[in-house]
Amino acid sequence: MIEKFLNDQQDPKAVEKVYSRLKELLPPGEETMYIASQKKPLVNILPDCVVVTNRRILFFTPANLGLSIKFVDFVWKDIADVNVKEEIIGAVFMIKTTKGAEMGVDYLPKVQARKLYQYSQECRENERKREELQRVQNMQPAFEKPEPKPYVPPLAPVTPPPPVQAPPAPAPMPQPAPVVEAKPDELTEKLKKLKMLFDNGLITQEEYNQKKMDLLSDL
């Protein structure tokens, strides 16, 4: 497995030490893509190393005279820029974080610095696509399967009741014929007046009887 990281003039001992440490550090699903090792022009006993994985970039530095190794790492979403500067002897590989921090390694073989840059750009692009996809998914409402509605049988058509007919208007009552008050006949009136004269003592009995007979004789 380590042989694939020794094709570009890497230091075998430094790569082996870093690779054994990576097996302890990286969780399942994180893949080591490239390991670059420093190559100083005079003494190269304890070189620094740079590792690119699909999730982050790590800088390893030997400590305690090579007895231990310390590292610092940055996930790709926190890296704002990656830069390579080629010099007369080797190249300098630099990163800049979104918070303005910088980290780099000098005296890298140029071929290794170029590979670091290539893999870093690829990982940054993959991270950008992943974040874009995540943003789109967050904007879309989660698909929810609608709950089935209970079956409701259709209602039978309701026949409207027949219209209520208004009762026929009552026939107009016949107007009663005007009562014509019967006028008392003339004879009766005369007899009444004659009786009133007698009762009031204005005429005698004989005069009353005579006048009454006269009236009745006219019938």
N, C-alpha and C. Protein backbone atom coordinates (compact mmCIF):
# COMPACT_ATOMS: atom_id res chain seq x y z
N MET A 1 0.83 -1.22 0.00
CA MET A 1 0.00 0.00 0.00
C MET A 1 0.86 1.26 0.00
N ILE A 2 1.96 1.25 0.74
CA ILE A 2 2.78 2.46 0.85
C ILE A 2 3.55 2.74 -0.44
N GLU A 3 3.71 1.73 -1.26
CA GLU A 3 4.52 1.90 -2.48
C GLU A 3 3.93 2.94 -3.44
N LYS A 4 2.60 3.07 -3.45
CA LYS A 4 2.00 4.01 -4.39
C LYS A 4 2.27 5.46 -4.01
N PHE A 5 2.82 5.71 -2.80
CA PHE A 5 3.16 7.07 -2.38
C PHE A 5 4.66 7.34 -2.49
N LEU A 6 5.39 6.47 -3.20
CA LEU A 6 6.84 6.62 -3.32
C LEU A 6 7.28 6.77 -4.77
N ASN A 7 6.42 7.31 -5.61
CA ASN A 7 6.72 7.40 -7.05
C ASN A 7 7.33 8.73 -7.46
N ASP A 8 7.38 9.72 -6.53
CA ASP A 8 7.83 11.07 -6.92
C ASP A 8 8.94 11.57 -6.00
N GLN A 9 9.93 10.73 -5.74
CA GLN A 9 11.12 11.09 -4.93
C GLN A 9 10.78 11.33 -3.46
N GLN A 10 9.70 10.70 -2.94
CA GLN A 10 9.39 10.86 -1.52
C GLN A 10 10.43 10.12 -0.66
N ASP A 11 10.60 10.62 0.56
CA ASP A 11 11.48 9.96 1.52
C ASP A 11 10.76 8.74 2.08
N PRO A 12 11.28 7.53 1.84
CA PRO A 12 10.55 6.32 2.26
C PRO A 12 10.33 6.25 3.77
N LYS A 13 11.32 6.60 4.57
CA LYS A 13 11.16 6.50 6.02
C LYS A 13 10.12 7.50 6.52
N ALA A 14 10.15 8.71 5.99
CA ALA A 14 9.18 9.72 6.42
C ALA A 14 7.76 9.33 6.01
N VAL A 15 7.61 8.81 4.80
CA VAL A 15 6.29 8.41 4.33
C VAL A 15 5.77 7.23 5.13
N GLU A 16 6.64 6.30 5.45
CA GLU A 16 6.21 5.13 6.24
C GLU A 16 5.72 5.55 7.62
N LYS A 17 6.45 6.47 8.25
CA LYS A 17 6.04 6.92 9.59
C LYS A 17 4.69 7.68 9.53
N VAL A 18 4.55 8.52 8.51
CA VAL A 18 3.30 9.27 8.36
C VAL A 18 2.15 8.34 8.02
N TYR A 19 2.41 7.36 7.15
CA TYR A 19 1.34 6.45 6.73
C TYR A 19 0.83 5.61 7.90
N SER A 20 1.74 5.14 8.77
CA SER A 20 1.31 4.37 9.94
C SER A 20 0.48 5.23 10.88
N ARG A 21 0.81 6.51 10.94
CA ARG A 21 0.03 7.42 11.80
C ARG A 21 -1.35 7.68 11.18
N LEU A 22 -1.41 7.76 9.86
CA LEU A 22 -2.69 7.99 9.20
C LEU A 22 -3.67 6.85 9.44
N LYS A 23 -3.18 5.64 9.50
CA LYS A 23 -4.07 4.49 9.74
C LYS A 23 -4.74 4.59 11.10
N GLU A 24 -4.09 5.27 12.04
CA GLU A 24 -4.69 5.47 13.36
C GLU A 24 -5.64 6.66 13.37
N LEU A 25 -5.37 7.65 12.52
CA LEU A 25 -6.13 8.91 12.58
C LEU A 25 -7.40 8.89 11.73
N LEU A 26 -7.31 8.36 10.53
CA LEU A 26 -8.41 8.54 9.58
C LEU A 26 -9.58 7.61 9.88
N PRO A 27 -10.79 8.13 9.88
CA PRO A 27 -11.98 7.29 10.10
C PRO A 27 -12.34 6.54 8.82
N PRO A 28 -13.23 5.56 8.91
CA PRO A 28 -13.66 4.84 7.71
C PRO A 28 -14.28 5.80 6.70
N GLY A 29 -13.95 5.58 5.44
CA GLY A 29 -14.49 6.45 4.39
C GLY A 29 -13.57 7.58 4.00
N GLU A 30 -12.53 7.86 4.81
CA GLU A 30 -11.56 8.90 4.45
C GLU A 30 -10.36 8.23 3.78
N GLU A 31 -10.03 8.69 2.60
CA GLU A 31 -9.01 8.04 1.77
C GLU A 31 -7.80 8.96 1.60
N THR A 32 -6.61 8.38 1.79
CA THR A 32 -5.37 9.12 1.54
C THR A 32 -5.12 9.15 0.03
N MET A 33 -4.96 10.36 -0.52
CA MET A 33 -4.81 10.51 -1.96
C MET A 33 -3.35 10.77 -2.36
N TYR A 34 -2.59 11.51 -1.52
CA TYR A 34 -1.19 11.80 -1.88
C TYR A 34 -0.43 12.18 -0.62
N ILE A 35 0.86 11.77 -0.60
CA ILE A 35 1.78 12.13 0.48
C ILE A 35 3.02 12.75 -0.15
N ALA A 36 3.34 13.97 0.25
CA ALA A 36 4.55 14.65 -0.22
C ALA A 36 5.51 14.82 0.95
N SER A 37 6.81 14.67 0.68
CA SER A 37 7.80 14.80 1.75
C SER A 37 8.84 15.85 1.36
N GLN A 38 9.27 16.61 2.34
CA GLN A 38 10.25 17.69 2.16
C GLN A 38 11.62 17.10 1.78
N LYS A 39 12.36 17.83 0.96
CA LYS A 39 13.71 17.41 0.58
C LYS A 39 14.65 18.61 0.67
N LYS A 40 15.26 18.73 1.85
CA LYS A 40 16.15 19.86 2.08
C LYS A 40 17.49 19.65 1.35
N PRO A 41 18.11 20.74 0.93
CA PRO A 41 19.31 20.57 0.09
C PRO A 41 20.52 20.00 0.81
N LEU A 42 20.69 20.25 2.11
CA LEU A 42 21.89 19.78 2.81
C LEU A 42 21.56 18.59 3.71
N VAL A 43 20.82 18.84 4.77
CA VAL A 43 20.48 17.77 5.71
C VAL A 43 18.98 17.52 5.62
N ASN A 44 18.61 16.29 5.37
CA ASN A 44 17.18 15.95 5.21
C ASN A 44 16.82 14.78 6.11
N ILE A 45 17.27 14.88 7.38
CA ILE A 45 17.07 13.76 8.31
C ILE A 45 15.63 13.70 8.79
N LEU A 46 15.05 14.86 9.11
CA LEU A 46 13.69 14.90 9.65
C LEU A 46 12.82 15.79 8.76
N PRO A 47 12.40 15.31 7.61
CA PRO A 47 11.62 16.15 6.70
C PRO A 47 10.16 16.26 7.15
N ASP A 48 9.59 17.43 6.81
CA ASP A 48 8.14 17.60 7.00
C ASP A 48 7.40 16.89 5.87
N CYS A 49 6.13 16.59 6.12
CA CYS A 49 5.30 15.93 5.10
C CYS A 49 3.94 16.62 5.01
N VAL A 50 3.37 16.53 3.81
CA VAL A 50 2.02 17.06 3.57
C VAL A 50 1.17 15.93 3.01
N VAL A 51 -0.04 15.77 3.57
CA VAL A 51 -0.93 14.68 3.15
C VAL A 51 -2.26 15.27 2.69
N VAL A 52 -2.72 14.79 1.55
CA VAL A 52 -4.03 15.18 1.03
C VAL A 52 -4.96 13.98 1.11
N THR A 53 -6.12 14.15 1.76
CA THR A 53 -7.17 13.12 1.76
C THR A 53 -8.41 13.72 1.11
N ASN A 54 -9.40 12.88 0.93
CA ASN A 54 -10.64 13.38 0.31
C ASN A 54 -11.43 14.29 1.24
N ARG A 55 -11.01 14.42 2.50
CA ARG A 55 -11.74 15.25 3.45
C ARG A 55 -10.93 16.42 4.02
N ARG A 56 -9.59 16.30 3.99
CA ARG A 56 -8.78 17.35 4.63
C ARG A 56 -7.36 17.34 4.09
N ILE A 57 -6.57 18.27 4.59
CA ILE A 57 -5.13 18.32 4.31
C ILE A 57 -4.40 18.38 5.65
N LEU A 58 -3.31 17.60 5.76
CA LEU A 58 -2.58 17.48 7.03
C LEU A 58 -1.12 17.84 6.82
N PHE A 59 -0.56 18.55 7.81
CA PHE A 59 0.86 18.91 7.81
C PHE A 59 1.52 18.19 8.98
N PHE A 60 2.51 17.31 8.68
CA PHE A 60 3.21 16.54 9.70
C PHE A 60 4.63 17.10 9.90
N THR A 61 4.99 17.25 11.19
CA THR A 61 6.33 17.74 11.53
C THR A 61 6.93 16.81 12.59
N PRO A 62 8.13 16.25 12.35
CA PRO A 62 8.78 15.40 13.37
C PRO A 62 9.09 16.21 14.63
N ALA A 63 9.02 15.53 15.76
CA ALA A 63 9.33 16.18 17.05
C ALA A 63 10.14 15.22 17.90
N ASN A 64 10.78 15.79 18.93
CA ASN A 64 11.59 14.98 19.85
C ASN A 64 12.64 14.18 19.09
N LEU A 65 13.37 14.87 18.24
CA LEU A 65 14.46 14.27 17.45
C LEU A 65 13.99 13.08 16.63
N GLY A 66 12.76 13.19 16.15
CA GLY A 66 12.23 12.14 15.29
C GLY A 66 11.55 11.00 16.02
N LEU A 67 11.52 11.07 17.36
CA LEU A 67 10.87 9.99 18.13
C LEU A 67 9.35 10.08 18.04
N SER A 68 8.83 11.26 17.79
CA SER A 68 7.38 11.44 17.64
C SER A 68 7.12 12.36 16.46
N ILE A 69 5.86 12.48 16.14
CA ILE A 69 5.47 13.32 15.01
C ILE A 69 4.18 14.03 15.36
N LYS A 70 4.16 15.32 15.12
CA LYS A 70 2.94 16.10 15.40
C LYS A 70 2.36 16.59 14.08
N PHE A 71 1.09 16.95 14.16
CA PHE A 71 0.44 17.36 12.90
C PHE A 71 -0.62 18.42 13.19
N VAL A 72 -0.99 19.12 12.14
CA VAL A 72 -2.12 20.03 12.16
C VAL A 72 -2.90 19.77 10.88
N ASP A 73 -4.25 19.81 10.97
CA ASP A 73 -5.06 19.49 9.79
C ASP A 73 -6.15 20.55 9.58
N PHE A 74 -6.64 20.63 8.34
CA PHE A 74 -7.68 21.58 7.94
C PHE A 74 -8.64 20.85 6.99
N VAL A 75 -9.92 20.92 7.29
CA VAL A 75 -10.91 20.32 6.38
C VAL A 75 -11.06 21.23 5.17
N TRP A 76 -11.51 20.64 4.05
CA TRP A 76 -11.52 21.39 2.79
C TRP A 76 -12.49 22.58 2.80
N LYS A 77 -13.56 22.48 3.54
CA LYS A 77 -14.50 23.60 3.56
C LYS A 77 -13.92 24.84 4.24
N ASP A 78 -12.83 24.66 5.03
CA ASP A 78 -12.20 25.79 5.72
C ASP A 78 -11.01 26.35 4.95
N ILE A 79 -10.71 25.81 3.78
CA ILE A 79 -9.55 26.27 3.01
C ILE A 79 -10.03 27.22 1.93
N ALA A 80 -9.52 28.45 1.96
CA ALA A 80 -9.92 29.47 1.00
C ALA A 80 -9.06 29.48 -0.25
N ASP A 81 -7.78 29.09 -0.12
CA ASP A 81 -6.90 29.17 -1.29
C ASP A 81 -5.74 28.18 -1.13
N VAL A 82 -5.26 27.70 -2.28
CA VAL A 82 -4.10 26.82 -2.35
C VAL A 82 -3.13 27.42 -3.36
N ASN A 83 -1.85 27.43 -2.99
CA ASN A 83 -0.87 28.08 -3.87
C ASN A 83 0.44 27.31 -3.88
N VAL A 84 1.08 27.29 -5.04
CA VAL A 84 2.41 26.67 -5.20
C VAL A 84 3.35 27.70 -5.81
N LYS A 85 4.50 27.85 -5.18
CA LYS A 85 5.51 28.76 -5.71
C LYS A 85 6.79 27.97 -5.95
N GLU A 86 7.14 27.85 -7.21
CA GLU A 86 8.35 27.11 -7.57
C GLU A 86 9.57 28.03 -7.49
N GLU A 87 10.62 27.52 -6.84
CA GLU A 87 11.86 28.29 -6.68
C GLU A 87 13.01 27.56 -7.37
N ILE A 88 14.21 28.08 -7.19
CA ILE A 88 15.36 27.43 -7.83
C ILE A 88 15.55 26.02 -7.30
N ILE A 89 15.45 25.89 -5.98
CA ILE A 89 15.56 24.57 -5.36
C ILE A 89 14.20 24.23 -4.77
N GLY A 90 13.49 23.34 -5.43
CA GLY A 90 12.21 22.88 -4.92
C GLY A 90 11.11 23.91 -5.08
N ALA A 91 10.04 23.70 -4.31
CA ALA A 91 8.86 24.58 -4.39
C ALA A 91 8.26 24.73 -3.00
N VAL A 92 7.47 25.77 -2.86
CA VAL A 92 6.78 26.04 -1.60
C VAL A 92 5.28 25.79 -1.84
N PHE A 93 4.70 24.99 -0.99
CA PHE A 93 3.25 24.71 -1.06
C PHE A 93 2.58 25.42 0.10
N MET A 94 1.56 26.26 -0.20
CA MET A 94 0.92 27.07 0.83
C MET A 94 -0.59 26.91 0.74
N ILE A 95 -1.24 26.99 1.90
CA ILE A 95 -2.70 27.08 1.95
C ILE A 95 -3.08 28.27 2.79
N LYS A 96 -4.28 28.80 2.52
CA LYS A 96 -4.82 29.90 3.32
C LYS A 96 -6.23 29.53 3.71
N THR A 97 -6.55 29.67 4.99
CA THR A 97 -7.88 29.28 5.48
C THR A 97 -8.87 30.43 5.34
N THR A 98 -10.13 30.11 5.53
CA THR A 98 -11.18 31.13 5.44
C THR A 98 -11.06 32.15 6.56
N LYS A 99 -10.34 31.82 7.64
CA LYS A 99 -10.14 32.75 8.75
C LYS A 99 -8.83 33.53 8.62
N GLY A 100 -8.10 33.33 7.52
CA GLY A 100 -6.88 34.10 7.29
C GLY A 100 -5.60 33.44 7.73
N ALA A 101 -5.66 32.26 8.34
CA ALA A 101 -4.44 31.56 8.76
C ALA A 101 -3.74 30.97 7.54
N GLU A 102 -2.39 30.88 7.62
CA GLU A 102 -1.60 30.32 6.54
C GLU A 102 -0.72 29.18 7.07
N MET A 103 -0.48 28.21 6.18
CA MET A 103 0.35 27.07 6.53
C MET A 103 1.04 26.60 5.27
N GLY A 104 2.32 26.24 5.39
CA GLY A 104 3.03 25.81 4.20
C GLY A 104 4.26 24.98 4.51
N VAL A 105 4.82 24.38 3.47
CA VAL A 105 6.04 23.59 3.56
C VAL A 105 6.94 23.99 2.39
N ASP A 106 8.19 24.25 2.69
CA ASP A 106 9.14 24.61 1.62
C ASP A 106 10.01 23.40 1.25
N TYR A 107 10.84 23.58 0.27
CA TYR A 107 11.78 22.57 -0.20
C TYR A 107 11.08 21.27 -0.59
N LEU A 108 9.92 21.39 -1.18
CA LEU A 108 9.26 20.20 -1.73
C LEU A 108 9.75 19.99 -3.16
N PRO A 109 10.01 18.77 -3.56
CA PRO A 109 10.29 18.55 -4.98
C PRO A 109 9.15 19.09 -5.83
N LYS A 110 9.51 19.71 -6.94
CA LYS A 110 8.50 20.40 -7.74
C LYS A 110 7.38 19.46 -8.21
N VAL A 111 7.76 18.24 -8.55
CA VAL A 111 6.73 17.30 -9.01
C VAL A 111 5.73 17.00 -7.90
N GLN A 112 6.24 16.92 -6.66
CA GLN A 112 5.34 16.66 -5.53
C GLN A 112 4.46 17.88 -5.25
N ALA A 113 5.03 19.06 -5.34
CA ALA A 113 4.25 20.28 -5.10
C ALA A 113 3.12 20.41 -6.12
N ARG A 114 3.45 20.06 -7.38
CA ARG A 114 2.42 20.13 -8.42
C ARG A 114 1.30 19.11 -8.16
N LYS A 115 1.68 17.91 -7.72
CA LYS A 115 0.67 16.89 -7.41
C LYS A 115 -0.19 17.33 -6.23
N LEU A 116 0.44 17.93 -5.21
CA LEU A 116 -0.33 18.44 -4.08
C LEU A 116 -1.36 19.46 -4.54
N TYR A 117 -0.90 20.36 -5.41
CA TYR A 117 -1.82 21.39 -5.93
C TYR A 117 -2.96 20.76 -6.72
N GLN A 118 -2.62 19.78 -7.56
CA GLN A 118 -3.65 19.12 -8.39
C GLN A 118 -4.70 18.43 -7.53
N TYR A 119 -4.25 17.63 -6.56
CA TYR A 119 -5.20 16.91 -5.70
C TYR A 119 -5.99 17.88 -4.81
N SER A 120 -5.35 18.94 -4.35
CA SER A 120 -6.04 19.91 -3.50
C SER A 120 -7.16 20.60 -4.26
N GLN A 121 -6.88 20.99 -5.49
CA GLN A 121 -7.91 21.65 -6.29
C GLN A 121 -9.08 20.70 -6.57
N GLU A 122 -8.76 19.45 -6.82
CA GLU A 122 -9.80 18.45 -7.06
C GLU A 122 -10.68 18.28 -5.82
N CYS A 123 -10.05 18.20 -4.65
CA CYS A 123 -10.81 18.02 -3.40
C CYS A 123 -11.64 19.27 -3.08
N ARG A 124 -11.09 20.44 -3.34
CA ARG A 124 -11.85 21.68 -3.09
C ARG A 124 -13.07 21.76 -4.00
N GLU A 125 -12.91 21.35 -5.24
CA GLU A 125 -14.04 21.36 -6.17
C GLU A 125 -15.12 20.37 -5.74
N ASN A 126 -14.68 19.19 -5.30
CA ASN A 126 -15.65 18.20 -4.81
C ASN A 126 -16.39 18.71 -3.57
N GLU A 127 -15.67 19.42 -2.72
CA GLU A 127 -16.31 19.98 -1.52
C GLU A 127 -17.30 21.07 -1.91
N ARG A 128 -16.94 21.89 -2.91
CA ARG A 128 -17.86 22.94 -3.36
C ARG A 128 -19.15 22.33 -3.93
N LYS A 129 -19.02 21.27 -4.72
CA LYS A 129 -20.20 20.60 -5.27
C LYS A 129 -21.04 19.97 -4.16
N ARG A 130 -20.37 19.39 -3.17
CA ARG A 130 -21.10 18.79 -2.06
C ARG A 130 -21.89 19.83 -1.29
N GLU A 131 -21.28 20.98 -1.03
CA GLU A 131 -21.96 22.05 -0.31
C GLU A 131 -23.12 22.60 -1.12
N GLU A 132 -22.93 22.72 -2.43
CA GLU A 132 -24.01 23.22 -3.29
C GLU A 132 -25.19 22.25 -3.29
N LEU A 133 -24.88 20.95 -3.37
CA LEU A 133 -25.94 19.95 -3.34
C LEU A 133 -26.68 19.98 -2.00
N GLN A 134 -25.91 20.13 -0.92
CA GLN A 134 -26.53 20.19 0.40
C GLN A 134 -27.43 21.41 0.53
N ARG A 135 -27.00 22.54 -0.04
CA ARG A 135 -27.79 23.77 0.02
C ARG A 135 -29.09 23.61 -0.76
N VAL A 136 -29.02 22.96 -1.91
CA VAL A 136 -30.23 22.74 -2.71
C VAL A 136 -31.18 21.81 -1.99
N GLN A 137 -30.64 20.77 -1.37
CA GLN A 137 -31.49 19.82 -0.64
C GLN A 137 -32.16 20.48 0.55
N ASN A 138 -31.46 21.40 1.20
CA ASN A 138 -32.05 22.09 2.35
C ASN A 138 -33.15 23.05 1.93
N MET A 139 -33.05 23.56 0.70
CA MET A 139 -34.07 24.48 0.22
C MET A 139 -35.34 23.76 -0.19
N GLN A 140 -35.22 22.49 -0.59
CA GLN A 140 -36.39 21.74 -1.03
C GLN A 140 -37.08 21.12 0.18
N PRO A 141 -38.42 21.19 0.26
CA PRO A 141 -39.12 20.55 1.37
C PRO A 141 -39.00 19.04 1.29
N ALA A 142 -38.83 18.44 2.44
CA ALA A 142 -38.75 16.97 2.47
C ALA A 142 -40.03 16.36 1.94
N PHE A 143 -39.86 15.31 1.13
CA PHE A 143 -41.03 14.64 0.54
C PHE A 143 -41.73 13.83 1.62
N GLU A 144 -42.95 14.09 1.79
CA GLU A 144 -43.75 13.36 2.77
C GLU A 144 -44.88 12.65 2.05
N LYS A 145 -44.98 11.39 2.33
CA LYS A 145 -46.05 10.61 1.74
C LYS A 145 -47.36 11.00 2.38
N PRO A 146 -48.33 11.43 1.58
CA PRO A 146 -49.60 11.85 2.19
C PRO A 146 -50.32 10.67 2.82
N GLU A 147 -50.92 10.94 3.94
CA GLU A 147 -51.68 9.90 4.62
C GLU A 147 -52.93 9.57 3.82
N PRO A 148 -53.24 8.27 3.70
CA PRO A 148 -54.45 7.92 2.94
C PRO A 148 -55.70 8.43 3.64
N LYS A 149 -56.58 8.97 2.85
CA LYS A 149 -57.82 9.46 3.40
C LYS A 149 -58.84 8.33 3.51
N PRO A 150 -59.62 8.29 4.58
CA PRO A 150 -60.62 7.23 4.72
C PRO A 150 -61.65 7.33 3.60
N TYR A 151 -62.11 6.14 3.16
CA TYR A 151 -63.09 6.10 2.07
C TYR A 151 -64.44 6.57 2.59
N VAL A 152 -65.00 7.48 1.92
CA VAL A 152 -66.32 7.99 2.27
C VAL A 152 -67.25 7.68 1.09
N PRO A 153 -68.26 6.80 1.29
CA PRO A 153 -69.15 6.48 0.16
C PRO A 153 -69.91 7.71 -0.30
N PRO A 154 -70.15 7.78 -1.59
CA PRO A 154 -70.87 8.96 -2.09
C PRO A 154 -72.29 9.00 -1.56
N LEU A 155 -72.74 10.16 -1.29
CA LEU A 155 -74.09 10.33 -0.76
C LEU A 155 -75.11 10.14 -1.88
N ALA A 156 -76.23 9.46 -1.52
CA ALA A 156 -77.30 9.27 -2.48
C ALA A 156 -77.94 10.62 -2.79
N PRO A 157 -78.33 10.80 -4.04
CA PRO A 157 -78.95 12.09 -4.37
C PRO A 157 -80.25 12.30 -3.59
N VAL A 158 -80.39 13.44 -3.07
CA VAL A 158 -81.57 13.78 -2.26
C VAL A 158 -82.60 14.44 -3.17
N THR A 159 -83.82 13.81 -3.22
CA THR A 159 -84.90 14.38 -4.03
C THR A 159 -85.54 15.52 -3.25
N PRO A 160 -85.55 16.67 -3.80
CA PRO A 160 -86.14 17.78 -3.06
C PRO A 160 -87.65 17.59 -2.90
N PRO A 161 -88.21 17.95 -1.77
CA PRO A 161 -89.66 17.81 -1.56
C PRO A 161 -90.43 18.69 -2.53
N PRO A 162 -91.65 18.24 -2.87
CA PRO A 162 -92.44 19.05 -3.80
C PRO A 162 -92.72 20.41 -3.18
N PRO A 163 -92.81 21.38 -4.03
CA PRO A 163 -93.06 22.73 -3.49
C PRO A 163 -94.43 22.81 -2.81
N VAL A 164 -94.41 23.47 -1.71
CA VAL A 164 -95.66 23.64 -0.94
C VAL A 164 -96.52 24.67 -1.63
N GLN A 165 -97.72 24.21 -2.01
CA GLN A 165 -98.64 25.13 -2.68
C GLN A 165 -99.43 25.94 -1.66
N ALA A 166 -99.52 27.17 -1.93
CA ALA A 166 -100.27 28.04 -1.02
C ALA A 166 -101.76 27.69 -1.10
N PRO A 167 -102.46 27.65 0.04
CA PRO A 167 -103.90 27.36 0.01
C PRO A 167 -104.63 28.39 -0.82
N PRO A 168 -105.68 27.92 -1.51
CA PRO A 168 -106.43 28.87 -2.36
C PRO A 168 -107.03 30.00 -1.53
N ALA A 169 -106.99 31.13 -2.12
CA ALA A 169 -107.55 32.29 -1.42
C ALA A 169 -109.06 32.09 -1.23
N PRO A 170 -109.57 32.40 -0.07
CA PRO A 170 -111.01 32.22 0.19
C PRO A 170 -111.85 33.09 -0.74
N ALA A 171 -112.96 32.49 -1.15
CA ALA A 171 -113.87 33.23 -2.04
C ALA A 171 -114.41 34.45 -1.31
N PRO A 172 -114.48 35.52 -2.01
CA PRO A 172 -114.99 36.74 -1.34
C PRO A 172 -116.43 36.55 -0.86
N MET A 173 -116.62 36.93 0.36
CA MET A 173 -117.96 36.81 0.96
C MET A 173 -118.90 37.78 0.25
N PRO A 174 -120.09 37.30 -0.06
CA PRO A 174 -121.07 38.20 -0.71
C PRO A 174 -121.47 39.32 0.24
N GLN A 175 -121.46 40.47 -0.32
CA GLN A 175 -121.84 41.64 0.48
C GLN A 175 -123.34 41.58 0.78
N PRO A 176 -123.65 41.69 2.06
CA PRO A 176 -125.09 41.64 2.41
C PRO A 176 -125.84 42.82 1.77
N ALA A 177 -127.00 42.48 1.33
CA ALA A 177 -127.85 43.52 0.70
C ALA A 177 -128.19 44.58 1.74
N PRO A 178 -128.10 45.79 1.34
CA PRO A 178 -128.42 46.85 2.31
C PRO A 178 -129.84 46.73 2.83
N VAL A 179 -129.87 46.82 4.10
CA VAL A 179 -131.19 46.70 4.75
C VAL A 179 -131.95 48.02 4.57
N VAL A 180 -132.98 47.87 3.90
CA VAL A 180 -133.84 49.05 3.69
C VAL A 180 -134.88 49.09 4.80
N GLU A 181 -134.68 50.04 5.54
CA GLU A 181 -135.57 50.17 6.70
C GLU A 181 -136.97 50.54 6.21
N ALA A 182 -137.91 49.67 6.56
CA ALA A 182 -139.32 49.88 6.11
C ALA A 182 -139.93 51.08 6.84
N LYS A 183 -140.32 51.94 6.02
CA LYS A 183 -140.97 53.12 6.59
C LYS A 183 -142.39 52.76 7.09
N PRO A 184 -142.68 53.19 8.26
CA PRO A 184 -144.07 52.91 8.73
C PRO A 184 -145.10 53.55 7.78
N ASP A 185 -146.14 52.80 7.56
CA ASP A 185 -147.17 53.33 6.62
C ASP A 185 -147.86 54.55 7.24
N GLU A 186 -148.48 55.30 6.42
CA GLU A 186 -149.08 56.59 6.80
C GLU A 186 -150.25 56.43 7.76
N LEU A 187 -151.02 55.37 7.60
CA LEU A 187 -152.20 55.15 8.46
C LEU A 187 -151.77 54.89 9.89
N THR A 188 -150.70 54.04 10.00
CA THR A 188 -150.24 53.71 11.36
C THR A 188 -149.73 54.96 12.05
N GLU A 189 -149.05 55.81 11.31
CA GLU A 189 -148.53 57.02 11.90
C GLU A 189 -149.66 57.94 12.38
N LYS A 190 -150.64 58.00 11.59
CA LYS A 190 -151.78 58.86 11.96
C LYS A 190 -152.51 58.32 13.19
N LEU A 191 -152.59 56.99 13.27
CA LEU A 191 -153.26 56.39 14.44
C LEU A 191 -152.44 56.65 15.70
N LYS A 192 -151.06 56.56 15.54
CA LYS A 192 -150.20 56.80 16.69
C LYS A 192 -150.35 58.26 17.18
N LYS A 193 -150.37 59.18 16.25
CA LYS A 193 -150.54 60.59 16.63
C LYS A 193 -151.90 60.85 17.27
N LEU A 194 -152.88 60.17 16.75
CA LEU A 194 -154.23 60.33 17.31
C LEU A 194 -154.28 59.80 18.73
N LYS A 195 -153.67 58.69 18.97
CA LYS A 195 -153.64 58.09 20.32
C LYS A 195 -152.88 59.01 21.27
N MET A 196 -151.77 59.63 20.77
CA MET A 196 -150.99 60.52 21.61
C MET A 196 -151.82 61.77 22.00
N LEU A 197 -152.64 62.25 21.08
CA LEU A 197 -153.49 63.40 21.39
C LEU A 197 -154.52 63.05 22.46
N PHE A 198 -155.04 61.83 22.32
CA PHE A 198 -156.05 61.38 23.31
C PHE A 198 -155.41 61.20 24.68
N ASP A 199 -154.18 60.58 24.64
CA ASP A 199 -153.52 60.31 25.93
C ASP A 199 -153.13 61.62 26.63
N ASN A 200 -152.87 62.63 25.87
CA ASN A 200 -152.47 63.89 26.47
C ASN A 200 -153.68 64.78 26.84
N GLY A 201 -154.88 64.27 26.55
CA GLY A 201 -156.10 65.00 26.95
C GLY A 201 -156.41 66.17 26.06
N LEU A 202 -155.89 66.07 24.86
CA LEU A 202 -156.13 67.18 23.94
C LEU A 202 -157.45 66.98 23.19
N ILE A 203 -157.86 65.70 23.14
CA ILE A 203 -159.16 65.42 22.51
C ILE A 203 -159.94 64.52 23.42
N THR A 204 -161.21 64.54 23.26
CA THR A 204 -162.09 63.72 24.12
C THR A 204 -162.16 62.33 23.56
N GLN A 205 -162.83 61.47 24.34
CA GLN A 205 -163.00 60.08 23.94
C GLN A 205 -163.83 60.00 22.68
N GLU A 206 -164.81 60.84 22.63
CA GLU A 206 -165.67 60.79 21.47
C GLU A 206 -164.95 61.26 20.23
N GLU A 207 -164.14 62.31 20.41
CA GLU A 207 -163.41 62.82 19.27
C GLU A 207 -162.36 61.79 18.80
N TYR A 208 -161.77 61.12 19.72
CA TYR A 208 -160.78 60.08 19.39
C TYR A 208 -161.42 58.96 18.62
N ASN A 209 -162.59 58.53 19.15
CA ASN A 209 -163.25 57.39 18.49
C ASN A 209 -163.72 57.80 17.09
N GLN A 210 -164.23 59.00 16.98
CA GLN A 210 -164.74 59.46 15.69
C GLN A 210 -163.63 59.57 14.67
N LYS A 211 -162.50 60.17 15.12
CA LYS A 211 -161.38 60.36 14.19
C LYS A 211 -160.78 59.02 13.79
N LYS A 212 -160.71 58.08 14.72
CA LYS A 212 -160.16 56.76 14.43
C LYS A 212 -161.00 56.06 13.40
N MET A 213 -162.34 56.17 13.54
CA MET A 213 -163.24 55.53 12.60
C MET A 213 -163.07 56.15 11.23
N ASP A 214 -162.82 57.46 11.22
CA ASP A 214 -162.62 58.12 9.93
C ASP A 214 -161.39 57.60 9.22
N LEU A 215 -160.33 57.42 9.97
CA LEU A 215 -159.09 56.92 9.36
C LEU A 215 -159.23 55.48 8.85
N LEU A 216 -159.88 54.69 9.64
CA LEU A 216 -160.02 53.28 9.24
C LEU A 216 -160.96 53.13 8.06
N SER A 217 -161.88 54.10 7.94
CA SER A 217 -162.83 53.99 6.83
C SER A 217 -162.14 54.29 5.50
N ASP A 218 -160.98 54.85 5.51
CA ASP A 218 -160.23 55.15 4.27
C ASP A 218 -159.58 53.89 3.68
N LEU A 219 -159.43 52.80 4.43
CA LEU A 219 -158.79 51.58 3.91
C LEU A 219 -159.65 50.92 2.83
